[in-house]
Structures are given as C-alpha cells and as structure tokens.
Full PDB file with SEQRES, HELIX, SHEET, SSBOND, CRYST1, ORIGX, SCALE, CONECT and MASTER records, all heavy atoms in Angstrom:
SEQRES   1 A   31  GLY SER LEU ARG LEU SER CYS ALA ALA SER GLY ARG THR          
SEQRES   2 A   31  PHE SER TYR LEU VAL MET GLY TRP PHE ARG GLN ALA PRO          
SEQRES   3 A   31  GLY LYS ASP ARG GLU                                          
HELIX    1 AA1 PHE A   14  TYR A   16  5                                   3    
CRYST1    1.000    1.000    1.000  90.00  90.00  90.00 P 1           1          
ORIGX1      1.000000  0.000000  0.000000        0.00000                         
ORIGX2      0.000000  1.000000  0.000000        0.00000                         
ORIGX3      0.000000  0.000000  1.000000        0.00000                         
SCALE1      1.000000  0.000000  0.000000        0.00000                         
SCALE2      0.000000  1.000000  0.000000        0.00000                         
SCALE3      0.000000  0.000000  1.000000        0.00000                         
ATOM      1  N   GLY A   1      -9.387 -11.004  -6.985  1.00  0.00           N  
ATOM      2  CA  GLY A   1      -9.196 -10.736  -5.575  1.00  0.00           C  
ATOM      3  C   GLY A   1      -8.136  -9.705  -5.301  1.00  0.00           C  
ATOM      4  O   GLY A   1      -7.659  -9.072  -6.245  1.00  0.00           O  
ATOM      5  N   SER A   2      -7.862  -9.461  -3.995  1.00  0.00           N  
ATOM      6  CA  SER A   2      -6.892  -8.455  -3.600  1.00  0.00           C  
ATOM      7  C   SER A   2      -5.822  -9.000  -2.662  1.00  0.00           C  
ATOM      8  O   SER A   2      -6.130  -9.981  -1.915  1.00  0.00           O  
ATOM      9  CB  SER A   2      -7.660  -7.295  -2.918  1.00  0.00           C  
ATOM     10  OG  SER A   2      -8.552  -6.683  -3.832  1.00  0.00           O  
ATOM     11  N   LEU A   3      -4.761  -8.407  -2.650  1.00  0.00           N  
ATOM     12  CA  LEU A   3      -3.662  -8.668  -1.656  1.00  0.00           C  
ATOM     13  C   LEU A   3      -3.002  -7.306  -1.389  1.00  0.00           C  
ATOM     14  O   LEU A   3      -2.944  -6.410  -2.222  1.00  0.00           O  
ATOM     15  CB  LEU A   3      -2.598  -9.580  -2.173  1.00  0.00           C  
ATOM     16  CG  LEU A   3      -2.981 -11.070  -2.212  1.00  0.00           C  
ATOM     17  CD1 LEU A   3      -1.775 -11.855  -2.877  1.00  0.00           C  
ATOM     18  CD2 LEU A   3      -3.199 -11.641  -0.801  1.00  0.00           C  
ATOM     19  N   ARG A   4      -2.432  -7.134  -0.173  1.00  0.00           N  
ATOM     20  CA  ARG A   4      -1.655  -6.037   0.224  1.00  0.00           C  
ATOM     21  C   ARG A   4      -0.272  -6.455   0.674  1.00  0.00           C  
ATOM     22  O   ARG A   4      -0.155  -7.255   1.646  1.00  0.00           O  
ATOM     23  CB  ARG A   4      -2.359  -5.303   1.330  1.00  0.00           C  
ATOM     24  CG  ARG A   4      -1.716  -3.911   1.640  1.00  0.00           C  
ATOM     25  CD  ARG A   4      -2.217  -3.326   2.986  1.00  0.00           C  
ATOM     26  NE  ARG A   4      -1.996  -1.952   3.074  1.00  0.00           N  
ATOM     27  CZ  ARG A   4      -1.935  -1.306   4.269  1.00  0.00           C  
ATOM     28  NH1 ARG A   4      -2.148  -1.992   5.370  1.00  0.00           N  
ATOM     29  NH2 ARG A   4      -1.679   0.019   4.328  1.00  0.00           N  
ATOM     30  N   LEU A   5       0.696  -6.041  -0.031  1.00  0.00           N  
ATOM     31  CA  LEU A   5       2.070  -6.346   0.296  1.00  0.00           C  
ATOM     32  C   LEU A   5       2.675  -5.222   1.189  1.00  0.00           C  
ATOM     33  O   LEU A   5       2.319  -4.047   0.988  1.00  0.00           O  
ATOM     34  CB  LEU A   5       2.970  -6.474  -0.930  1.00  0.00           C  
ATOM     35  CG  LEU A   5       2.500  -7.464  -2.016  1.00  0.00           C  
ATOM     36  CD1 LEU A   5       3.504  -7.605  -3.113  1.00  0.00           C  
ATOM     37  CD2 LEU A   5       2.271  -8.811  -1.422  1.00  0.00           C  
ATOM     38  N   SER A   6       3.521  -5.607   2.142  1.00  0.00           N  
ATOM     39  CA  SER A   6       4.189  -4.721   3.018  1.00  0.00           C  
ATOM     40  C   SER A   6       5.660  -4.850   2.864  1.00  0.00           C  
ATOM     41  O   SER A   6       6.208  -5.999   2.594  1.00  0.00           O  
ATOM     42  CB  SER A   6       3.815  -4.926   4.470  1.00  0.00           C  
ATOM     43  OG  SER A   6       2.417  -4.719   4.642  1.00  0.00           O  
ATOM     44  N   CYS A   7       6.415  -3.807   3.062  1.00  0.00           N  
ATOM     45  CA  CYS A   7       7.873  -3.830   2.994  1.00  0.00           C  
ATOM     46  C   CYS A   7       8.388  -2.987   4.209  1.00  0.00           C  
ATOM     47  O   CYS A   7       8.222  -1.725   4.225  1.00  0.00           O  
ATOM     48  CB  CYS A   7       8.379  -3.231   1.715  1.00  0.00           C  
ATOM     49  SG  CYS A   7      10.151  -3.062   1.594  1.00  0.00           S  
ATOM     50  N   ALA A   8       8.958  -3.667   5.188  1.00  0.00           N  
ATOM     51  CA  ALA A   8       9.503  -3.025   6.316  1.00  0.00           C  
ATOM     52  C   ALA A   8      10.973  -2.673   6.154  1.00  0.00           C  
ATOM     53  O   ALA A   8      11.715  -3.609   5.731  1.00  0.00           O  
ATOM     54  CB  ALA A   8       9.327  -3.909   7.595  1.00  0.00           C  
ATOM     55  N   ALA A   9      11.377  -1.416   6.362  1.00  0.00           N  
ATOM     56  CA  ALA A   9      12.744  -1.009   6.065  1.00  0.00           C  
ATOM     57  C   ALA A   9      13.454  -0.633   7.369  1.00  0.00           C  
ATOM     58  O   ALA A   9      12.868  -0.164   8.304  1.00  0.00           O  
ATOM     59  CB  ALA A   9      12.711   0.124   5.106  1.00  0.00           C  
ATOM     60  N   SER A  10      14.716  -0.918   7.362  1.00  0.00           N  
ATOM     61  CA  SER A  10      15.553  -0.497   8.495  1.00  0.00           C  
ATOM     62  C   SER A  10      16.977  -0.207   7.973  1.00  0.00           C  
ATOM     63  O   SER A  10      17.374  -0.630   6.827  1.00  0.00           O  
ATOM     64  CB  SER A  10      15.645  -1.557   9.546  1.00  0.00           C  
ATOM     65  OG  SER A  10      16.191  -2.782   9.049  1.00  0.00           O  
ATOM     66  N   GLY A  11      17.730   0.601   8.727  1.00  0.00           N  
ATOM     67  CA  GLY A  11      19.125   0.833   8.407  1.00  0.00           C  
ATOM     68  C   GLY A  11      19.365   2.189   7.839  1.00  0.00           C  
ATOM     69  O   GLY A  11      20.543   2.622   7.740  1.00  0.00           O  
ATOM     70  N   ARG A  12      18.387   2.855   7.340  1.00  0.00           N  
ATOM     71  CA  ARG A  12      18.505   4.237   6.831  1.00  0.00           C  
ATOM     72  C   ARG A  12      17.248   5.015   7.234  1.00  0.00           C  
ATOM     73  O   ARG A  12      16.236   4.449   7.461  1.00  0.00           O  
ATOM     74  CB  ARG A  12      18.570   4.257   5.285  1.00  0.00           C  
ATOM     75  CG  ARG A  12      19.930   3.882   4.731  1.00  0.00           C  
ATOM     76  CD  ARG A  12      20.991   5.047   4.806  1.00  0.00           C  
ATOM     77  NE  ARG A  12      20.488   6.291   4.244  1.00  0.00           N  
ATOM     78  CZ  ARG A  12      20.654   6.640   2.992  1.00  0.00           C  
ATOM     79  NH1 ARG A  12      21.230   5.812   2.163  1.00  0.00           N  
ATOM     80  NH2 ARG A  12      20.237   7.812   2.558  1.00  0.00           N  
ATOM     81  N   THR A  13      17.350   6.321   7.225  1.00  0.00           N  
ATOM     82  CA  THR A  13      16.184   7.197   7.457  1.00  0.00           C  
ATOM     83  C   THR A  13      15.188   6.975   6.378  1.00  0.00           C  
ATOM     84  O   THR A  13      15.416   7.258   5.223  1.00  0.00           O  
ATOM     85  CB  THR A  13      16.554   8.662   7.611  1.00  0.00           C  
ATOM     86  OG1 THR A  13      17.598   8.808   8.632  1.00  0.00           O  
ATOM     87  CG2 THR A  13      15.344   9.502   7.902  1.00  0.00           C  
ATOM     88  N   PHE A  14      14.056   6.414   6.739  1.00  0.00           N  
ATOM     89  CA  PHE A  14      13.057   5.980   5.724  1.00  0.00           C  
ATOM     90  C   PHE A  14      12.599   7.095   4.819  1.00  0.00           C  
ATOM     91  O   PHE A  14      12.328   6.867   3.641  1.00  0.00           O  
ATOM     92  CB  PHE A  14      11.876   5.271   6.424  1.00  0.00           C  
ATOM     93  CG  PHE A  14      10.931   4.606   5.499  1.00  0.00           C  
ATOM     94  CD1 PHE A  14      11.321   3.437   4.798  1.00  0.00           C  
ATOM     95  CD2 PHE A  14       9.603   5.126   5.304  1.00  0.00           C  
ATOM     96  CE1 PHE A  14      10.478   2.817   4.005  1.00  0.00           C  
ATOM     97  CE2 PHE A  14       8.750   4.414   4.446  1.00  0.00           C  
ATOM     98  CZ  PHE A  14       9.160   3.327   3.758  1.00  0.00           C  
ATOM     99  N   SER A  15      12.442   8.294   5.351  1.00  0.00           N  
ATOM    100  CA  SER A  15      11.891   9.358   4.629  1.00  0.00           C  
ATOM    101  C   SER A  15      12.952   9.872   3.602  1.00  0.00           C  
ATOM    102  O   SER A  15      12.512  10.800   2.789  1.00  0.00           O  
ATOM    103  CB  SER A  15      11.476  10.495   5.532  1.00  0.00           C  
ATOM    104  OG  SER A  15      12.572  10.967   6.305  1.00  0.00           O  
ATOM    105  N   TYR A  16      14.159   9.368   3.531  1.00  0.00           N  
ATOM    106  CA  TYR A  16      15.071   9.666   2.465  1.00  0.00           C  
ATOM    107  C   TYR A  16      15.151   8.597   1.429  1.00  0.00           C  
ATOM    108  O   TYR A  16      15.994   8.657   0.559  1.00  0.00           O  
ATOM    109  CB  TYR A  16      16.434  10.001   3.084  1.00  0.00           C  
ATOM    110  CG  TYR A  16      16.540  11.367   3.644  1.00  0.00           C  
ATOM    111  CD1 TYR A  16      16.052  11.641   4.897  1.00  0.00           C  
ATOM    112  CD2 TYR A  16      17.156  12.395   2.917  1.00  0.00           C  
ATOM    113  CE1 TYR A  16      16.161  12.917   5.417  1.00  0.00           C  
ATOM    114  CE2 TYR A  16      17.279  13.659   3.445  1.00  0.00           C  
ATOM    115  CZ  TYR A  16      16.751  13.954   4.723  1.00  0.00           C  
ATOM    116  OH  TYR A  16      16.791  15.185   5.218  1.00  0.00           O  
ATOM    117  N   LEU A  17      14.320   7.602   1.521  1.00  0.00           N  
ATOM    118  CA  LEU A  17      14.342   6.483   0.536  1.00  0.00           C  
ATOM    119  C   LEU A  17      13.304   6.616  -0.435  1.00  0.00           C  
ATOM    120  O   LEU A  17      12.116   6.784  -0.163  1.00  0.00           O  
ATOM    121  CB  LEU A  17      14.165   5.157   1.280  1.00  0.00           C  
ATOM    122  CG  LEU A  17      15.207   4.782   2.364  1.00  0.00           C  
ATOM    123  CD1 LEU A  17      14.746   3.445   3.049  1.00  0.00           C  
ATOM    124  CD2 LEU A  17      16.577   4.683   1.785  1.00  0.00           C  
ATOM    125  N   VAL A  18      13.649   6.419  -1.740  1.00  0.00           N  
ATOM    126  CA  VAL A  18      12.733   6.195  -2.778  1.00  0.00           C  
ATOM    127  C   VAL A  18      12.386   4.800  -2.812  1.00  0.00           C  
ATOM    128  O   VAL A  18      13.292   3.943  -2.740  1.00  0.00           O  
ATOM    129  CB  VAL A  18      13.297   6.605  -4.147  1.00  0.00           C  
ATOM    130  CG1 VAL A  18      12.266   6.301  -5.304  1.00  0.00           C  
ATOM    131  CG2 VAL A  18      13.680   8.110  -4.161  1.00  0.00           C  
ATOM    132  N   MET A  19      11.152   4.388  -2.826  1.00  0.00           N  
ATOM    133  CA  MET A  19      10.727   2.974  -2.689  1.00  0.00           C  
ATOM    134  C   MET A  19      10.102   2.489  -3.990  1.00  0.00           C  
ATOM    135  O   MET A  19       9.401   3.228  -4.755  1.00  0.00           O  
ATOM    136  CB  MET A  19       9.678   2.856  -1.621  1.00  0.00           C  
ATOM    137  CG  MET A  19      10.187   3.235  -0.206  1.00  0.00           C  
ATOM    138  SD  MET A  19      11.667   2.297   0.293  1.00  0.00           S  
ATOM    139  CE  MET A  19      10.990   0.656   0.421  1.00  0.00           C  
ATOM    140  N   GLY A  20      10.390   1.238  -4.355  1.00  0.00           N  
ATOM    141  CA  GLY A  20       9.811   0.636  -5.567  1.00  0.00           C  
ATOM    142  C   GLY A  20       9.410  -0.756  -5.321  1.00  0.00           C  
ATOM    143  O   GLY A  20       9.861  -1.408  -4.355  1.00  0.00           O  
ATOM    144  N   TRP A  21       8.547  -1.250  -6.170  1.00  0.00           N  
ATOM    145  CA  TRP A  21       8.146  -2.669  -6.234  1.00  0.00           C  
ATOM    146  C   TRP A  21       8.427  -3.204  -7.626  1.00  0.00           C  
ATOM    147  O   TRP A  21       8.112  -2.518  -8.642  1.00  0.00           O  
ATOM    148  CB  TRP A  21       6.656  -2.835  -5.881  1.00  0.00           C  
ATOM    149  CG  TRP A  21       6.313  -2.608  -4.471  1.00  0.00           C  
ATOM    150  CD1 TRP A  21       5.921  -1.471  -3.895  1.00  0.00           C  
ATOM    151  CD2 TRP A  21       6.397  -3.551  -3.380  1.00  0.00           C  
ATOM    152  NE1 TRP A  21       5.701  -1.675  -2.575  1.00  0.00           N  
ATOM    153  CE2 TRP A  21       5.925  -2.932  -2.249  1.00  0.00           C  
ATOM    154  CE3 TRP A  21       6.734  -4.913  -3.372  1.00  0.00           C  
ATOM    155  CZ2 TRP A  21       5.905  -3.668  -1.012  1.00  0.00           C  
ATOM    156  CZ3 TRP A  21       6.680  -5.604  -2.161  1.00  0.00           C  
ATOM    157  CH2 TRP A  21       6.252  -4.972  -0.972  1.00  0.00           C  
ATOM    158  N   PHE A  22       9.038  -4.338  -7.708  1.00  0.00           N  
ATOM    159  CA  PHE A  22       9.292  -5.028  -8.937  1.00  0.00           C  
ATOM    160  C   PHE A  22       8.732  -6.460  -8.781  1.00  0.00           C  
ATOM    161  O   PHE A  22       8.409  -6.883  -7.732  1.00  0.00           O  
ATOM    162  CB  PHE A  22      10.801  -5.096  -9.210  1.00  0.00           C  
ATOM    163  CG  PHE A  22      11.397  -3.802  -9.549  1.00  0.00           C  
ATOM    164  CD1 PHE A  22      11.581  -2.820  -8.569  1.00  0.00           C  
ATOM    165  CD2 PHE A  22      11.824  -3.488 -10.839  1.00  0.00           C  
ATOM    166  CE1 PHE A  22      12.181  -1.601  -8.882  1.00  0.00           C  
ATOM    167  CE2 PHE A  22      12.368  -2.250 -11.129  1.00  0.00           C  
ATOM    168  CZ  PHE A  22      12.521  -1.307 -10.209  1.00  0.00           C  
ATOM    169  N   ARG A  23       8.599  -7.139  -9.890  1.00  0.00           N  
ATOM    170  CA  ARG A  23       8.163  -8.517  -9.841  1.00  0.00           C  
ATOM    171  C   ARG A  23       8.890  -9.310 -10.959  1.00  0.00           C  
ATOM    172  O   ARG A  23       9.337  -8.797 -11.961  1.00  0.00           O  
ATOM    173  CB  ARG A  23       6.665  -8.608 -10.077  1.00  0.00           C  
ATOM    174  CG  ARG A  23       6.192  -8.229 -11.452  1.00  0.00           C  
ATOM    175  CD  ARG A  23       4.699  -8.179 -11.474  1.00  0.00           C  
ATOM    176  NE  ARG A  23       4.058  -7.869 -12.753  1.00  0.00           N  
ATOM    177  CZ  ARG A  23       2.819  -7.663 -13.043  1.00  0.00           C  
ATOM    178  NH1 ARG A  23       1.855  -7.759 -12.055  1.00  0.00           N  
ATOM    179  NH2 ARG A  23       2.416  -7.296 -14.271  1.00  0.00           N  
ATOM    180  N   GLN A  24       8.985 -10.642 -10.636  1.00  0.00           N  
ATOM    181  CA  GLN A  24       9.607 -11.545 -11.547  1.00  0.00           C  
ATOM    182  C   GLN A  24       8.902 -12.854 -11.643  1.00  0.00           C  
ATOM    183  O   GLN A  24       8.679 -13.583 -10.644  1.00  0.00           O  
ATOM    184  CB  GLN A  24      11.059 -11.868 -11.099  1.00  0.00           C  
ATOM    185  CG  GLN A  24      11.946 -12.629 -12.120  1.00  0.00           C  
ATOM    186  CD  GLN A  24      13.338 -12.580 -11.771  1.00  0.00           C  
ATOM    187  OE1 GLN A  24      13.796 -12.252 -10.681  1.00  0.00           O  
ATOM    188  NE2 GLN A  24      14.181 -12.933 -12.738  1.00  0.00           N  
ATOM    189  N   ALA A  25       8.306 -13.077 -12.849  1.00  0.00           N  
ATOM    190  CA  ALA A  25       7.648 -14.346 -13.104  1.00  0.00           C  
ATOM    191  C   ALA A  25       8.616 -15.382 -13.590  1.00  0.00           C  
ATOM    192  O   ALA A  25       9.665 -15.057 -14.098  1.00  0.00           O  
ATOM    193  CB  ALA A  25       6.555 -14.057 -14.123  1.00  0.00           C  
ATOM    194  N   PRO A  26       8.294 -16.650 -13.483  1.00  0.00           N  
ATOM    195  CA  PRO A  26       9.190 -17.750 -13.936  1.00  0.00           C  
ATOM    196  C   PRO A  26       9.646 -17.564 -15.332  1.00  0.00           C  
ATOM    197  O   PRO A  26       8.767 -17.367 -16.252  1.00  0.00           O  
ATOM    198  CB  PRO A  26       8.384 -19.004 -13.695  1.00  0.00           C  
ATOM    199  CG  PRO A  26       7.419 -18.688 -12.584  1.00  0.00           C  
ATOM    200  CD  PRO A  26       7.076 -17.239 -12.892  1.00  0.00           C  
ATOM    201  N   GLY A  27      10.945 -17.579 -15.574  1.00  0.00           N  
ATOM    202  CA  GLY A  27      11.466 -17.471 -16.991  1.00  0.00           C  
ATOM    203  C   GLY A  27      11.495 -16.073 -17.535  1.00  0.00           C  
ATOM    204  O   GLY A  27      11.750 -15.903 -18.747  1.00  0.00           O  
ATOM    205  N   LYS A  28      11.150 -15.101 -16.711  1.00  0.00           N  
ATOM    206  CA  LYS A  28      11.060 -13.725 -17.206  1.00  0.00           C  
ATOM    207  C   LYS A  28      12.009 -12.864 -16.420  1.00  0.00           C  
ATOM    208  O   LYS A  28      12.405 -13.171 -15.295  1.00  0.00           O  
ATOM    209  CB  LYS A  28       9.628 -13.189 -17.148  1.00  0.00           C  
ATOM    210  CG  LYS A  28       8.651 -13.910 -18.080  1.00  0.00           C  
ATOM    211  CD  LYS A  28       7.325 -13.184 -18.119  1.00  0.00           C  
ATOM    212  CE  LYS A  28       6.361 -13.842 -19.123  1.00  0.00           C  
ATOM    213  NZ  LYS A  28       5.082 -13.111 -19.089  1.00  0.00           N  
ATOM    214  N   ASP A  29      12.349 -11.687 -16.999  1.00  0.00           N  
ATOM    215  CA  ASP A  29      13.115 -10.722 -16.273  1.00  0.00           C  
ATOM    216  C   ASP A  29      12.326 -10.025 -15.215  1.00  0.00           C  
ATOM    217  O   ASP A  29      11.052  -9.956 -15.263  1.00  0.00           O  
ATOM    218  CB  ASP A  29      13.643  -9.667 -17.264  1.00  0.00           C  
ATOM    219  CG  ASP A  29      14.691 -10.190 -18.253  1.00  0.00           C  
ATOM    220  OD1 ASP A  29      15.339 -11.214 -17.918  1.00  0.00           O  
ATOM    221  OD2 ASP A  29      14.843  -9.611 -19.326  1.00  0.00           O  
ATOM    222  N   ARG A  30      13.051  -9.499 -14.203  1.00  0.00           N  
ATOM    223  CA  ARG A  30      12.415  -8.701 -13.182  1.00  0.00           C  
ATOM    224  C   ARG A  30      11.919  -7.386 -13.782  1.00  0.00           C  
ATOM    225  O   ARG A  30      12.673  -6.684 -14.483  1.00  0.00           O  
ATOM    226  CB  ARG A  30      13.389  -8.446 -12.066  1.00  0.00           C  
ATOM    227  CG  ARG A  30      12.764  -7.897 -10.804  1.00  0.00           C  
ATOM    228  CD  ARG A  30      13.717  -7.879  -9.635  1.00  0.00           C  
ATOM    229  NE  ARG A  30      14.238  -9.160  -9.311  1.00  0.00           N  
ATOM    230  CZ  ARG A  30      15.033  -9.438  -8.241  1.00  0.00           C  
ATOM    231  NH1 ARG A  30      15.371  -8.423  -7.399  1.00  0.00           N  
ATOM    232  NH2 ARG A  30      15.453 -10.693  -7.995  1.00  0.00           N  
ATOM    233  N   GLU A  31      10.657  -7.069 -13.532  1.00  0.00           N  
ATOM    234  CA  GLU A  31      10.117  -5.903 -14.178  1.00  0.00           C  
ATOM    235  C   GLU A  31       9.557  -4.943 -13.108  1.00  0.00           C  
ATOM    236  O   GLU A  31       9.174  -5.264 -12.075  1.00  0.00           O  
ATOM    237  CB  GLU A  31       8.997  -6.262 -15.074  1.00  0.00           C  
ATOM    238  CG  GLU A  31       7.798  -6.960 -14.451  1.00  0.00           C  
ATOM    239  CD  GLU A  31       6.572  -7.238 -15.473  1.00  0.00           C  
ATOM    240  OE1 GLU A  31       6.789  -6.962 -16.638  1.00  0.00           O  
ATOM    241  OE2 GLU A  31       5.548  -7.663 -15.029  1.00  0.00           O  
TER     242      GLU A  31                                                      
MASTER        0    0    0    1    0    0    0    6  241    1    0    3          
END                                                                             
C-alpha cells in the first residue's frame, strides 16, 4: 500500500530550509 506524510513548517522562511525525513524502528537507530 501507500501513505503520504506531510510536514508543516513555521518559524523560518521555508524556502531557505533543507528538508529531510528520517525514521526509527523499535530498538534501532534513527536512520
């Protein structure tokens, strides 16, 4: 299946932000 995650940002000019996604499974490091 599929999912779409969203990330709403505030506090800085968005077009000057580098954006990233990370994930962390139980017992594992954030990757």
